[in-house]
N, C-alpha and C. Protein backbone atom coordinates (compact mmCIF):
# COMPACT_ATOMS: atom_id res chain seq x y z
N MET A 1 17.71 -56.44 -115.08
CA MET A 1 16.91 -56.05 -114.13
C MET A 1 17.64 -53.68 -113.74
N THR A 2 16.71 -53.01 -113.83
CA THR A 2 17.29 -51.54 -113.57
C THR A 2 16.42 -51.71 -112.45
N ARG A 3 17.23 -50.35 -111.48
CA ARG A 3 16.78 -49.90 -110.61
C ARG A 3 16.56 -48.21 -110.86
N GLU A 4 15.74 -47.47 -109.57
CA GLU A 4 14.94 -46.38 -109.81
C GLU A 4 15.98 -45.68 -108.66
N TYR A 5 16.70 -44.51 -109.25
CA TYR A 5 17.26 -43.44 -108.53
C TYR A 5 16.64 -41.99 -108.76
N LYS A 6 17.04 -41.64 -107.87
CA LYS A 6 16.76 -39.88 -107.66
C LYS A 6 16.12 -39.49 -109.38
N ASN A 7 14.98 -38.57 -109.21
CA ASN A 7 15.08 -37.30 -110.37
C ASN A 7 14.20 -38.97 -111.66
N ASN A 8 14.00 -40.05 -111.43
CA ASN A 8 13.80 -40.98 -112.21
C ASN A 8 14.83 -41.49 -113.53
N ILE A 9 16.18 -41.36 -112.97
CA ILE A 9 17.22 -41.97 -114.02
C ILE A 9 17.26 -43.17 -113.16
N CYS A 10 17.35 -44.11 -114.38
CA CYS A 10 17.43 -45.51 -114.30
C CYS A 10 19.18 -46.27 -114.60
N LYS A 11 19.91 -46.29 -113.97
CA LYS A 11 20.81 -46.73 -114.67
C LYS A 11 21.01 -48.10 -115.10
N LYS A 12 21.01 -48.94 -116.09
CA LYS A 12 21.28 -49.89 -116.26
C LYS A 12 22.40 -50.92 -115.61
N PRO A 13 22.34 -52.48 -115.00
CA PRO A 13 23.70 -52.92 -114.50
C PRO A 13 24.41 -53.14 -115.86
N LYS A 14 25.52 -53.53 -115.53
CA LYS A 14 27.43 -54.04 -116.30
C LYS A 14 26.49 -55.52 -116.54
N LEU A 15 26.51 -56.05 -117.59
CA LEU A 15 26.73 -57.32 -117.89
C LEU A 15 28.28 -58.02 -118.69
N TYR A 16 28.38 -59.20 -118.73
CA TYR A 16 28.95 -59.84 -118.18
C TYR A 16 28.94 -60.72 -119.11
N VAL A 17 29.63 -61.79 -120.41
CA VAL A 17 29.80 -62.14 -121.12
C VAL A 17 29.79 -63.77 -120.53
N PHE A 18 29.10 -64.48 -120.39
CA PHE A 18 29.63 -66.12 -119.98
C PHE A 18 30.39 -66.74 -121.04
N ALA A 19 31.74 -67.16 -121.08
CA ALA A 19 32.14 -67.61 -121.73
C ALA A 19 33.32 -69.16 -121.13
N GLY A 20 31.64 -70.18 -121.19
CA GLY A 20 32.90 -71.03 -119.59
C GLY A 20 31.90 -72.58 -120.55
N VAL A 21 31.78 -73.71 -119.16
CA VAL A 21 30.79 -74.66 -118.36
C VAL A 21 30.46 -74.77 -117.61
N HIS A 22 29.46 -74.17 -116.88
CA HIS A 22 28.29 -74.38 -116.32
C HIS A 22 26.68 -74.58 -116.40
N GLU A 23 26.24 -75.79 -114.85
CA GLU A 23 24.74 -75.88 -115.58
C GLU A 23 23.84 -75.68 -115.52
N SER A 24 23.84 -74.04 -114.60
CA SER A 24 23.30 -72.96 -115.10
C SER A 24 23.16 -72.09 -115.98
N LEU A 25 25.22 -71.82 -116.53
CA LEU A 25 24.29 -70.52 -117.11
C LEU A 25 24.75 -70.84 -118.74
N ILE A 26 24.43 -69.54 -119.74
CA ILE A 26 24.27 -70.59 -121.15
C ILE A 26 25.40 -70.44 -121.38
N THR A 27 26.76 -70.16 -122.37
CA THR A 27 28.20 -70.13 -123.21
C THR A 27 27.20 -69.06 -123.86
N GLY A 28 28.18 -68.01 -123.81
CA GLY A 28 27.68 -66.46 -124.63
C GLY A 28 26.53 -66.00 -124.63
N ASN A 29 26.54 -66.07 -123.77
CA ASN A 29 24.69 -65.30 -122.78
C ASN A 29 25.46 -63.85 -122.04
N ALA A 30 25.12 -62.81 -121.72
CA ALA A 30 25.54 -61.78 -120.87
C ALA A 30 24.65 -61.89 -119.82
N TYR A 31 25.20 -61.37 -118.53
CA TYR A 31 24.63 -61.72 -117.21
C TYR A 31 24.70 -60.93 -116.56
N SER A 32 23.99 -60.21 -115.44
CA SER A 32 24.62 -58.84 -114.30
C SER A 32 25.36 -59.74 -112.91
N ALA A 33 25.77 -58.79 -112.36
CA ALA A 33 26.40 -59.31 -111.46
C ALA A 33 25.81 -59.70 -110.39
N ARG A 34 23.88 -59.95 -110.22
CA ARG A 34 23.13 -59.85 -109.70
C ARG A 34 22.84 -61.27 -110.27
N SER A 35 22.32 -61.47 -111.00
CA SER A 35 21.87 -62.44 -111.72
C SER A 35 23.14 -63.96 -111.51
N LEU A 36 24.08 -64.12 -111.93
CA LEU A 36 25.78 -64.38 -111.43
C LEU A 36 24.99 -65.10 -110.45
N CYS A 37 24.92 -64.49 -109.57
CA CYS A 37 25.40 -64.54 -107.50
C CYS A 37 23.97 -66.06 -107.43
N GLU A 38 22.77 -64.65 -108.24
CA GLU A 38 21.34 -65.58 -107.89
C GLU A 38 21.81 -67.40 -108.45
N LEU A 39 22.12 -67.50 -110.19
CA LEU A 39 22.25 -69.02 -110.65
C LEU A 39 23.70 -69.45 -109.93
N THR A 40 24.61 -69.24 -109.78
CA THR A 40 25.84 -70.27 -109.43
C THR A 40 25.24 -70.53 -108.14
N GLY A 41 25.10 -69.34 -106.66
CA GLY A 41 24.80 -69.56 -105.69
C GLY A 41 26.64 -68.66 -104.44
N ILE A 42 26.83 -67.86 -105.80
CA ILE A 42 29.07 -67.22 -105.06
C ILE A 42 28.24 -65.90 -104.18
N ALA A 43 28.55 -65.94 -103.51
CA ALA A 43 28.89 -64.48 -101.78
C ALA A 43 29.12 -63.70 -103.44
N LYS A 44 28.21 -62.43 -103.08
CA LYS A 44 28.44 -61.41 -104.26
C LYS A 44 29.17 -60.37 -103.89
N THR A 45 30.20 -60.37 -103.02
CA THR A 45 31.06 -59.54 -102.20
C THR A 45 32.29 -60.28 -103.21
N THR A 46 32.31 -61.89 -103.09
CA THR A 46 33.26 -63.09 -103.45
C THR A 46 33.21 -62.55 -105.20
N LEU A 47 31.87 -62.62 -105.75
CA LEU A 47 32.16 -62.08 -106.83
C LEU A 47 32.29 -61.36 -107.45
N THR A 48 31.72 -60.24 -107.26
CA THR A 48 31.78 -58.57 -108.01
C THR A 48 33.61 -58.40 -107.20
N SER A 49 34.38 -59.51 -106.43
CA SER A 49 36.25 -59.15 -106.60
C SER A 49 36.87 -60.04 -107.48
N ARG A 50 36.28 -61.15 -107.80
CA ARG A 50 36.75 -61.34 -109.55
C ARG A 50 36.32 -61.17 -110.46
N ILE A 51 34.99 -60.58 -110.39
CA ILE A 51 35.30 -59.84 -112.16
C ILE A 51 35.45 -58.39 -112.00
N ALA A 52 36.18 -57.77 -111.08
CA ALA A 52 36.47 -56.11 -111.19
C ALA A 52 37.39 -56.91 -112.44
N ASN A 53 36.76 -55.53 -113.72
CA ASN A 53 37.61 -54.92 -114.65
C ASN A 53 37.46 -55.92 -115.74
N LYS A 54 36.86 -56.88 -115.66
CA LYS A 54 36.65 -57.87 -116.95
C LYS A 54 34.92 -57.72 -117.67
N SER A 55 35.31 -58.23 -118.30
CA SER A 55 34.00 -58.25 -119.54
C SER A 55 33.60 -59.67 -120.10
N VAL A 56 34.71 -60.18 -119.58
CA VAL A 56 33.88 -62.22 -120.12
C VAL A 56 34.43 -62.85 -118.70
N ILE A 57 33.12 -63.59 -118.78
CA ILE A 57 33.72 -64.41 -117.09
C ILE A 57 33.67 -66.03 -117.98
N THR A 58 34.98 -66.51 -117.09
CA THR A 58 35.45 -68.08 -118.04
C THR A 58 34.62 -68.29 -115.79
N ASN A 59 34.91 -69.82 -116.04
CA ASN A 59 34.90 -71.05 -115.19
C ASN A 59 35.90 -70.49 -113.55
N VAL A 60 36.96 -69.85 -114.49
CA VAL A 60 37.72 -69.39 -113.31
C VAL A 60 36.99 -68.64 -111.97
N GLU A 61 36.45 -67.48 -112.71
CA GLU A 61 35.37 -66.55 -111.76
C GLU A 61 34.37 -67.44 -111.19
N LEU A 62 34.17 -68.85 -110.90
CA LEU A 62 32.38 -69.29 -111.10
C LEU A 62 33.07 -70.36 -110.44
N ARG A 63 34.18 -70.41 -109.39
CA ARG A 63 35.20 -71.52 -109.19
C ARG A 63 34.69 -71.88 -107.80
N LEU A 64 34.58 -72.08 -107.40
CA LEU A 64 33.47 -72.57 -105.22
C LEU A 64 34.43 -72.10 -104.85
N VAL A 65 34.13 -71.18 -103.31
CA VAL A 65 35.17 -71.35 -102.61
C VAL A 65 35.50 -72.06 -101.62
N HIS A 66 36.96 -72.25 -101.42
CA HIS A 66 36.75 -72.77 -100.20
C HIS A 66 36.83 -73.15 -99.26
N LYS A 67 36.39 -73.89 -98.34
CA LYS A 67 36.00 -73.84 -96.88
C LYS A 67 37.00 -74.17 -96.02
N ARG A 68 37.83 -74.10 -95.66
CA ARG A 68 38.67 -74.13 -94.27
C ARG A 68 37.99 -75.01 -93.22
N PRO A 69 38.68 -76.40 -92.29
CA PRO A 69 38.20 -77.73 -91.47
C PRO A 69 37.52 -76.12 -90.40
N ARG A 70 36.82 -76.72 -89.59
CA ARG A 70 35.83 -75.58 -88.02
C ARG A 70 37.47 -75.81 -87.39
N GLU A 71 37.87 -76.97 -87.00
CA GLU A 71 39.15 -77.05 -85.74
C GLU A 71 39.80 -77.36 -86.28
N LEU A 72 41.26 -77.05 -86.13
CA LEU A 72 42.89 -77.60 -86.26
C LEU A 72 42.64 -79.04 -85.82
N SER A 73 42.18 -79.72 -84.85
CA SER A 73 42.55 -81.32 -84.52
C SER A 73 42.18 -81.84 -85.87
N ASP A 74 40.77 -81.71 -86.75
CA ASP A 74 40.04 -82.25 -87.94
C ASP A 74 41.19 -82.14 -89.27
N MET A 75 41.68 -80.77 -89.13
CA MET A 75 42.74 -81.27 -89.96
C MET A 75 44.30 -82.36 -89.44
N ASN A 76 44.49 -82.24 -88.13
CA ASN A 76 46.21 -83.03 -87.92
C ASN A 76 45.16 -84.81 -87.31
N SER A 77 44.15 -85.00 -87.38
CA SER A 77 43.52 -85.81 -86.70
C SER A 77 44.27 -87.20 -87.31
N GLY A 78 45.27 -87.21 -88.79
CA GLY A 78 45.27 -88.58 -89.26
C GLY A 78 46.76 -88.01 -89.06
N LEU A 79 47.36 -87.44 -88.55
CA LEU A 79 49.05 -86.80 -89.74
C LEU A 79 49.98 -88.09 -87.55
N LEU A 80 49.29 -87.42 -86.38
CA LEU A 80 49.92 -88.53 -85.35
C LEU A 80 49.47 -90.29 -84.97
N ARG A 81 50.49 -91.30 -86.44
CA ARG A 81 49.85 -92.07 -86.10
C ARG A 81 50.52 -92.51 -85.30
N SER A 82 52.06 -93.07 -84.56
CA SER A 82 51.83 -93.65 -83.57
C SER A 82 52.27 -93.14 -82.28
N ASP A 83 52.73 -94.08 -81.19
CA ASP A 83 52.67 -93.65 -80.12
C ASP A 83 53.54 -92.74 -79.64
N SER A 84 54.78 -92.85 -79.96
CA SER A 84 55.54 -92.35 -80.11
C SER A 84 55.77 -90.53 -80.18
N MET A 85 55.39 -90.96 -81.90
CA MET A 85 54.60 -89.53 -81.83
C MET A 85 53.57 -88.89 -81.06
N ARG A 86 52.76 -89.16 -81.32
CA ARG A 86 51.88 -88.42 -79.98
C ARG A 86 52.27 -87.88 -78.76
N LEU A 87 53.19 -88.84 -78.16
CA LEU A 87 54.43 -88.84 -76.96
C LEU A 87 54.79 -87.62 -77.15
N ALA A 88 55.32 -87.51 -78.56
CA ALA A 88 56.06 -85.87 -78.70
C ALA A 88 55.26 -84.75 -78.79
N ASP A 89 54.51 -85.01 -79.29
CA ASP A 89 53.29 -84.24 -79.59
C ASP A 89 53.36 -83.14 -78.00
N GLN A 90 53.31 -84.36 -77.14
CA GLN A 90 52.25 -83.84 -75.94
C GLN A 90 53.62 -83.05 -75.28
N PHE A 91 55.08 -83.48 -75.63
CA PHE A 91 55.67 -83.16 -75.28
C PHE A 91 56.01 -81.44 -74.96
N ILE A 92 56.29 -81.62 -76.55
CA ILE A 92 56.08 -80.55 -77.27
C ILE A 92 54.37 -79.15 -77.37
N ARG A 93 54.44 -80.03 -76.99
CA ARG A 93 52.57 -78.50 -76.51
C ARG A 93 52.70 -78.17 -75.16
N ARG A 94 53.38 -78.94 -74.29
CA ARG A 94 52.97 -78.65 -72.97
C ARG A 94 53.27 -77.35 -72.82
N LYS A 95 52.87 -76.77 -71.23
CA LYS A 95 53.50 -75.58 -70.92
C LYS A 95 54.50 -75.39 -69.79
N GLN A 96 55.73 -74.04 -70.56
CA GLN A 96 56.80 -73.94 -70.27
C GLN A 96 56.64 -73.61 -68.54
N GLY A 97 57.15 -74.06 -67.66
CA GLY A 97 56.70 -73.07 -66.30
C GLY A 97 57.65 -73.51 -65.10
């Protein structure tokens, strides 16, 4: 895909050779950053920062983005198992005043 710029000058997109295993990409084919974003579902800003200054793309660059838990309570829900641990947690978290 090319875009048209002023004075009818077209700029070809940079192509990256894929060397890895992915369900929607073929090893050895060249893809633009935009097509990689569309095929893998990774955000354009994330992918462009991963592939900066590279010509060959592997599975490392196409890994999924780690999503953090929405709330801290989701992370700590299984940590306070005993009654004494819950009591100690409440004591530590109370406001000093």
